[in-house]
Protein backbone atom coordinates (compact mmCIF):
# COMPACT_ATOMS: atom_id res chain seq x y z
CA UNK A 1 41.07 22.24 21.23
CA UNK A 2 43.19 25.35 21.74
CA UNK A 3 45.48 25.28 24.77
CA UNK A 4 45.28 28.15 27.24
CA UNK A 5 48.45 30.25 27.31
CA UNK A 6 48.79 33.04 29.89
CA UNK A 7 48.91 36.56 28.42
CA UNK A 8 52.40 37.16 29.82
CA UNK A 9 53.77 34.14 27.95
CA UNK A 10 52.24 35.03 24.58
CA UNK A 11 54.48 36.32 21.82
CA UNK A 12 54.44 40.02 20.99
CA UNK A 13 52.56 39.32 17.76
CA UNK A 14 49.93 37.21 19.54
CA UNK A 15 49.49 39.88 22.25
CA UNK A 16 48.94 42.55 19.59
CA UNK A 17 46.35 40.42 17.81
CA UNK A 18 44.52 39.67 21.07
CA UNK A 19 44.58 43.36 22.06
CA UNK A 20 43.14 44.40 18.68
CA UNK A 21 40.40 41.81 19.04
CA UNK A 22 39.42 43.00 22.53
CA UNK A 23 39.58 46.73 21.70
CA UNK A 24 36.20 48.42 21.22
CA UNK A 25 35.24 51.23 18.87
CA UNK A 26 32.94 54.17 19.40
CA UNK A 27 30.95 53.25 16.28
CA UNK A 28 28.83 56.21 15.15
CA UNK A 29 29.24 58.05 18.46
CA UNK A 30 31.65 60.97 18.60
CA UNK A 31 33.49 60.81 21.94
CA UNK A 32 33.72 64.61 22.14
CA UNK A 33 31.50 66.19 24.77
CA UNK A 34 28.17 67.44 23.46
CA UNK A 35 25.86 70.02 24.96
CA UNK A 36 22.73 71.87 23.86
CA UNK A 37 22.93 75.48 22.75
CA UNK A 38 21.68 78.06 25.22
CA UNK A 39 18.27 79.21 23.86
CA UNK A 40 18.70 82.64 25.51
CA UNK A 41 22.12 83.28 23.97
CA UNK A 42 22.54 85.83 21.17
CA UNK A 43 23.00 84.08 17.81
CA UNK A 44 24.98 86.45 15.64
CA UNK A 45 25.13 84.19 12.56
CA UNK A 46 21.39 83.57 12.20
CA UNK A 47 20.40 87.26 12.32
CA UNK A 48 22.20 88.27 9.10
CA UNK A 49 22.32 84.94 7.29
CA UNK A 50 20.47 85.78 4.00
CA UNK A 51 21.26 89.51 3.62
CA UNK A 52 24.20 88.92 1.24
CA UNK A 53 22.20 86.63 -1.06
CA UNK A 54 20.10 89.49 -2.50
C-alpha cells in the first residue's frame, strides 16, 4: 500500500509527475473562440473564385 504524502512535502520530480498526470488536454477541440459566419455579409472570395481557372 502506498503511503499518503502531502503535496507540499513531495519532491520536485514527484510534484511534476503528479501535475502532468492531473493535467487535462483539449483533445480534438480547438480552444480558440468559434462563431458562425454572418449570412448577410458580403463574401468577396466566393464571387470571383473560378474566374482565373478558365
